[in-house]
Amino acid sequence: MTPSPAPLADVELFVPLDPQGTATPLVCLHASAGSAFSYLPLARLLGPDQPVWGVEAPGFDGSQEPVSSVPGLAARYTAALRKALPAGPVHLLGWSLGGLIAFDMARRMAEAGTEVGRVILVDASPPYVVPMPPESETVRRFLHEIAASLGLDVPAEIDALVAAAGEDVSAVFEELGRLRSWPPELDAELLSERYTVFRAHAEAAHSYEPSGPYRGPAWHLLAEKSPPQDGRWAELLPDLTERQVPGDHHTVWQGDSLQQLAAHVRSALSGPARPEAD
């Protein structure tokens, strides 16, 4: 295998998930949690010639302030990507919030005359400007996201802690340590740091209004158990192909669902711009 272009490794925000290969690089944009490593299992299933890079959010390592707007995140990542690959094409993939970021990046790159390969959204809610939920609800969603990513079945316990603490975020994080199944390394201090990033990204998603469509080829891989979506993505992505993957918003990254997700991604990356319908 031949390494993909080395300059990507020098950009601070980019994380090598599986950087070997000569195919057009796939860049995976983080979800609300901010980590790029949720894409690692997918990267391992895309073949030996497919280089895959992830993007980690500013603030995830605690060294920077998080960014609370989709355009702000997209602008930063696009600028970094242009420095790394000023002339080469790139594929973009994003799960959840990452789908909004990938969409905004694709628009920026197309407007600047930069070649974009494929844009792949994974179970990404369409963008609408809506008020932020109460703090307690944002905390609840944050903890449910963490628990789901770790395979912890503690939704009732989380809901009870949040209900008891109200708007006192630190109290919730302190009490979590009393749950036997909760990983001790996820202590109150670390949770507080992670929540700062998650909350900024929640603000970004709730305030995002696209300034126009992206007209290049795009795919949306939808979790079968996620709530039905309206036609907003079809308006914003006129050249859109949709596919369904078994599971919900989180289990699409596990087991057979992940295998099917990877198969759709491989098809999108290697197939024609507009595939035939099933």
Protein backbone atom coordinates (compact mmCIF):
# COMPACT_ATOMS: atom_id res chain seq x y z
CA MET A 1 0.00 0.00 0.00
CA THR A 2 1.09 3.56 -0.75
CA PRO A 3 0.51 6.28 1.86
CA SER A 4 -1.93 9.04 1.01
CA PRO A 5 -0.51 12.57 0.73
CA ALA A 6 1.65 13.24 3.76
CA PRO A 7 0.65 16.91 4.31
CA LEU A 8 -2.67 15.83 5.83
CA ALA A 9 -0.82 14.38 8.80
CA ASP A 10 0.61 17.84 9.57
CA VAL A 11 -2.76 19.53 9.97
CA GLU A 12 -3.60 19.63 13.68
CA LEU A 13 -7.29 18.90 13.32
CA PHE A 14 -6.90 15.81 11.14
CA VAL A 15 -6.63 12.35 12.68
CA PRO A 16 -5.29 9.42 10.59
CA LEU A 17 -7.85 6.63 10.90
CA ASP A 18 -6.51 4.48 8.06
CA PRO A 19 -4.24 6.76 6.02
CA GLN A 20 -2.78 4.16 3.64
CA GLY A 21 -3.90 3.93 0.03
CA THR A 22 -3.93 5.77 -3.28
CA ALA A 23 -7.67 6.36 -3.73
CA THR A 24 -9.26 9.77 -3.24
CA PRO A 25 -9.10 10.48 0.53
CA LEU A 26 -12.27 10.24 2.60
CA VAL A 27 -12.51 12.87 5.35
CA CYS A 28 -14.96 12.10 8.17
CA LEU A 29 -16.42 15.02 10.13
CA HIS A 30 -17.09 14.57 13.85
CA ALA A 31 -20.55 14.39 15.41
CA SER A 32 -21.64 16.50 18.40
CA ALA A 33 -19.29 14.71 20.81
CA GLY A 34 -16.32 16.07 18.85
CA SER A 35 -14.27 12.87 18.49
CA ALA A 36 -13.13 11.46 15.15
CA PHE A 37 -12.61 7.95 16.47
CA SER A 38 -16.25 6.90 16.14
CA TYR A 39 -15.36 6.39 12.45
CA LEU A 40 -12.47 3.99 13.11
CA PRO A 41 -14.54 0.78 12.74
CA LEU A 42 -15.90 2.07 9.41
CA ALA A 43 -12.44 3.02 8.16
CA ARG A 44 -11.24 -0.56 8.67
CA LEU A 45 -14.01 -1.87 6.37
CA LEU A 46 -13.44 0.36 3.35
CA GLY A 47 -10.59 -1.56 1.76
CA PRO A 48 -6.77 -1.37 1.75
CA ASP A 49 -6.57 1.33 -0.93
CA GLN A 50 -9.00 3.79 0.71
CA PRO A 51 -7.30 6.42 2.89
CA VAL A 52 -9.56 7.68 5.67
CA TRP A 53 -9.00 10.71 7.86
CA GLY A 54 -11.09 12.05 10.71
CA VAL A 55 -11.52 15.58 11.95
CA GLU A 56 -11.47 16.24 15.69
CA ALA A 57 -13.32 19.28 16.98
CA PRO A 58 -11.50 22.27 18.44
CA GLY A 59 -11.75 22.02 22.21
CA PHE A 60 -12.09 18.24 22.34
CA ASP A 61 -8.63 17.92 23.92
CA GLY A 62 -9.27 20.85 26.24
CA SER A 63 -6.60 23.06 24.66
CA GLN A 64 -8.92 25.36 22.68
CA GLU A 65 -12.33 26.95 22.90
CA PRO A 66 -15.04 24.99 21.07
CA VAL A 67 -16.76 26.50 18.03
CA SER A 68 -20.53 27.00 18.27
CA SER A 69 -21.56 27.46 14.64
CA VAL A 70 -21.65 25.12 11.66
CA PRO A 71 -20.25 27.77 9.29
CA GLY A 72 -17.44 28.45 11.77
CA LEU A 73 -16.51 24.78 11.96
CA ALA A 74 -16.83 24.29 8.20
CA ALA A 75 -14.72 27.35 7.42
CA ARG A 76 -11.94 26.19 9.71
CA TYR A 77 -11.90 22.65 8.36
CA THR A 78 -12.10 23.80 4.75
CA ALA A 79 -9.13 26.12 5.22
CA ALA A 80 -7.11 23.32 6.83
CA LEU A 81 -8.06 20.94 4.05
CA ARG A 82 -7.05 23.41 1.35
CA LYS A 83 -3.61 23.72 2.93
CA ALA A 84 -3.25 19.95 3.02
CA LEU A 85 -4.64 19.17 -0.42
CA PRO A 86 -4.80 22.44 -2.37
CA ALA A 87 -5.49 20.81 -5.73
CA GLY A 88 -6.69 17.29 -5.08
CA PRO A 89 -10.27 16.03 -4.78
CA VAL A 90 -11.63 14.71 -1.52
CA HIS A 91 -14.71 12.82 -0.34
CA LEU A 92 -16.62 14.09 2.72
CA LEU A 93 -18.63 12.01 5.20
CA GLY A 94 -20.46 13.11 8.31
CA TRP A 95 -22.67 11.43 10.89
CA SER A 96 -25.31 13.50 12.70
CA LEU A 97 -23.86 17.02 13.19
CA GLY A 98 -20.99 15.89 10.96
CA GLY A 99 -23.48 15.71 8.10
CA LEU A 100 -24.27 19.41 8.47
CA ILE A 101 -20.56 20.22 8.53
CA ALA A 102 -19.85 18.04 5.48
CA PHE A 103 -22.67 19.74 3.59
CA ASP A 104 -21.43 23.23 4.45
CA MET A 105 -17.85 22.31 3.55
CA ALA A 106 -18.95 20.90 0.20
CA ARG A 107 -20.76 24.15 -0.62
CA ARG A 108 -17.71 26.22 0.29
CA MET A 109 -15.35 24.04 -1.68
CA ALA A 110 -17.59 24.03 -4.76
CA GLU A 111 -17.95 27.81 -4.64
CA ALA A 112 -14.17 28.14 -4.43
CA GLY A 113 -13.68 25.84 -7.41
CA THR A 114 -12.20 23.02 -5.31
CA GLU A 115 -13.10 19.55 -6.54
CA VAL A 116 -15.38 17.56 -4.26
CA GLY A 117 -15.82 13.84 -4.82
CA ARG A 118 -18.75 12.39 -2.89
CA VAL A 119 -20.67 13.86 0.05
CA ILE A 120 -22.06 11.17 2.34
CA LEU A 121 -24.40 11.95 5.24
CA VAL A 122 -25.09 9.32 7.89
CA ASP A 123 -28.42 9.74 9.69
CA ALA A 124 -28.14 13.53 9.73
CA SER A 125 -31.19 15.56 10.72
CA PRO A 126 -32.01 18.32 8.23
CA PRO A 127 -31.02 21.86 9.25
CA TYR A 128 -33.60 24.13 10.86
CA VAL A 129 -33.15 27.11 13.15
CA VAL A 130 -34.86 26.17 16.42
CA PRO A 131 -34.44 27.28 20.06
CA MET A 132 -32.01 25.42 22.27
CA PRO A 133 -33.71 23.04 24.72
CA PRO A 134 -33.44 23.61 28.49
CA GLU A 135 -30.05 22.91 30.01
CA SER A 136 -31.30 19.76 31.71
CA GLU A 137 -32.47 18.34 28.37
CA THR A 138 -29.13 19.14 26.73
CA VAL A 139 -27.32 17.36 29.57
CA ARG A 140 -29.65 14.38 29.27
CA ARG A 141 -28.98 14.08 25.53
CA PHE A 142 -25.25 14.40 26.11
CA LEU A 143 -25.21 11.56 28.64
CA HIS A 144 -27.45 9.36 26.50
CA GLU A 145 -25.01 9.87 23.62
CA ILE A 146 -22.07 8.81 25.78
CA ALA A 147 -23.91 5.81 27.20
CA ALA A 148 -25.00 4.66 23.74
CA SER A 149 -21.46 4.98 22.37
CA LEU A 150 -20.19 2.80 25.22
CA GLY A 151 -23.00 0.25 24.97
CA LEU A 152 -24.31 1.13 28.45
CA ASP A 153 -28.00 0.44 29.05
CA VAL A 154 -28.66 3.06 31.72
CA PRO A 155 -31.22 5.50 30.24
CA ALA A 156 -33.55 5.36 33.25
CA GLU A 157 -30.70 6.00 35.68
CA ILE A 158 -29.48 8.97 33.65
CA ASP A 159 -32.98 10.43 33.41
CA ALA A 160 -33.46 10.09 37.17
CA LEU A 161 -30.17 11.84 37.95
CA VAL A 162 -30.93 14.70 35.58
CA ALA A 163 -34.46 15.11 36.95
CA ALA A 164 -33.15 15.24 40.52
CA ALA A 165 -30.40 17.76 39.76
CA GLY A 166 -32.43 20.09 37.56
CA GLU A 167 -30.17 22.69 35.96
CA ASP A 168 -27.18 21.82 38.17
CA VAL A 169 -24.95 20.20 35.56
CA SER A 170 -22.00 19.57 37.89
CA ALA A 171 -24.23 17.70 40.35
CA VAL A 172 -25.32 15.32 37.60
CA PHE A 173 -21.72 14.58 36.66
CA GLU A 174 -20.72 14.00 40.27
CA GLU A 175 -23.61 11.59 40.87
CA LEU A 176 -22.85 9.54 37.75
CA GLY A 177 -19.77 8.16 39.47
CA ARG A 178 -22.08 6.28 41.84
CA LEU A 179 -23.42 4.09 39.04
CA ARG A 180 -21.57 0.77 39.11
CA SER A 181 -21.57 0.43 35.35
CA TRP A 182 -20.26 3.93 34.70
CA PRO A 183 -16.57 3.95 33.64
CA PRO A 184 -14.50 5.55 36.44
CA GLU A 185 -12.26 7.32 33.91
CA LEU A 186 -15.27 9.37 32.83
CA ASP A 187 -15.18 11.43 35.99
CA ALA A 188 -16.89 14.76 36.63
CA GLU A 189 -13.94 16.83 35.38
CA LEU A 190 -13.69 15.02 32.06
CA LEU A 191 -17.46 15.02 31.58
CA SER A 192 -17.50 18.76 32.16
CA GLU A 193 -14.86 19.28 29.46
CA ARG A 194 -16.70 17.04 27.02
CA TYR A 195 -20.03 18.71 27.79
CA THR A 196 -18.62 22.14 26.95
CA VAL A 197 -17.84 20.85 23.46
CA PHE A 198 -21.16 19.02 23.10
CA ARG A 199 -23.16 22.07 24.16
CA ALA A 200 -21.32 24.33 21.70
CA HIS A 201 -22.11 21.85 18.93
CA ALA A 202 -25.75 21.68 20.00
CA GLU A 203 -25.88 25.47 19.61
CA ALA A 204 -24.29 25.07 16.18
CA ALA A 205 -26.90 22.57 15.02
CA HIS A 206 -29.85 24.53 16.41
CA SER A 207 -28.75 27.78 14.75
CA TYR A 208 -27.70 26.56 11.30
CA GLU A 209 -29.48 27.95 8.26
CA PRO A 210 -27.78 26.99 4.97
CA SER A 211 -27.27 29.81 2.50
CA GLY A 212 -28.01 27.61 -0.50
CA PRO A 213 -27.89 24.08 -1.91
CA TYR A 214 -24.99 21.86 -2.84
CA ARG A 215 -25.55 20.43 -6.32
CA GLY A 216 -22.88 17.73 -6.45
CA PRO A 217 -23.52 14.01 -5.93
CA ALA A 218 -24.56 13.18 -2.38
CA TRP A 219 -25.75 10.15 -0.41
CA HIS A 220 -27.76 9.94 2.77
CA LEU A 221 -27.56 6.69 4.72
CA LEU A 222 -30.53 6.67 7.08
CA ALA A 223 -31.03 4.51 10.16
CA GLU A 224 -34.25 2.53 9.76
CA LYS A 225 -35.31 3.16 13.37
CA SER A 226 -34.69 6.90 13.34
CA PRO A 227 -37.74 9.20 13.07
CA PRO A 228 -38.92 9.89 9.50
CA GLN A 229 -37.47 13.01 7.88
CA ASP A 230 -39.10 15.59 5.68
CA GLY A 231 -37.88 16.63 2.22
CA ARG A 232 -35.45 19.35 3.32
CA TRP A 233 -32.32 17.41 2.38
CA ALA A 234 -33.70 16.74 -1.08
CA GLU A 235 -34.12 20.50 -1.53
CA LEU A 236 -30.60 21.24 -0.32
CA LEU A 237 -29.03 18.28 -2.18
CA PRO A 238 -30.73 18.01 -5.59
CA ASP A 239 -28.45 15.10 -6.62
CA LEU A 240 -29.28 12.98 -3.56
CA THR A 241 -29.33 9.18 -3.26
CA GLU A 242 -30.89 7.73 -0.10
CA ARG A 243 -30.31 4.29 1.38
CA GLN A 244 -31.49 2.72 4.65
CA VAL A 245 -29.35 0.86 7.17
CA PRO A 246 -30.80 -1.45 9.88
CA GLY A 247 -30.68 -0.05 13.40
CA ASP A 248 -31.04 3.28 15.13
CA HIS A 249 -28.89 6.40 15.24
CA HIS A 250 -26.18 4.62 17.25
CA THR A 251 -26.52 0.92 16.42
CA VAL A 252 -25.84 1.56 12.72
CA TRP A 253 -22.20 1.60 13.87
CA GLN A 254 -22.35 -1.95 15.25
CA GLY A 255 -22.40 -5.52 13.97
CA ASP A 256 -24.22 -6.32 10.74
CA SER A 257 -25.54 -2.76 10.50
CA LEU A 258 -21.99 -1.46 10.33
CA GLN A 259 -21.18 -4.00 7.62
CA GLN A 260 -24.14 -2.76 5.56
CA LEU A 261 -23.23 0.86 6.23
CA ALA A 262 -19.69 0.21 5.01
CA ALA A 263 -21.01 -1.52 1.88
CA HIS A 264 -23.10 1.56 1.03
CA VAL A 265 -20.12 3.83 1.62
CA ARG A 266 -17.91 1.71 -0.62
CA SER A 267 -20.59 1.80 -3.31
CA ALA A 268 -20.88 5.56 -3.06
CA LEU A 269 -17.12 6.05 -3.29
CA SER A 270 -16.52 3.69 -6.18
CA GLY A 271 -19.76 3.78 -8.16
CA PRO A 272 -21.21 6.26 -10.66
CA ALA A 273 -22.28 9.69 -9.49
CA ARG A 274 -25.94 8.70 -9.76
CA PRO A 275 -26.43 4.97 -9.08
CA GLU A 276 -29.34 2.98 -10.39
CA ALA A 277 -32.27 2.61 -8.02
CA ASP A 278 -32.60 -0.65 -6.11
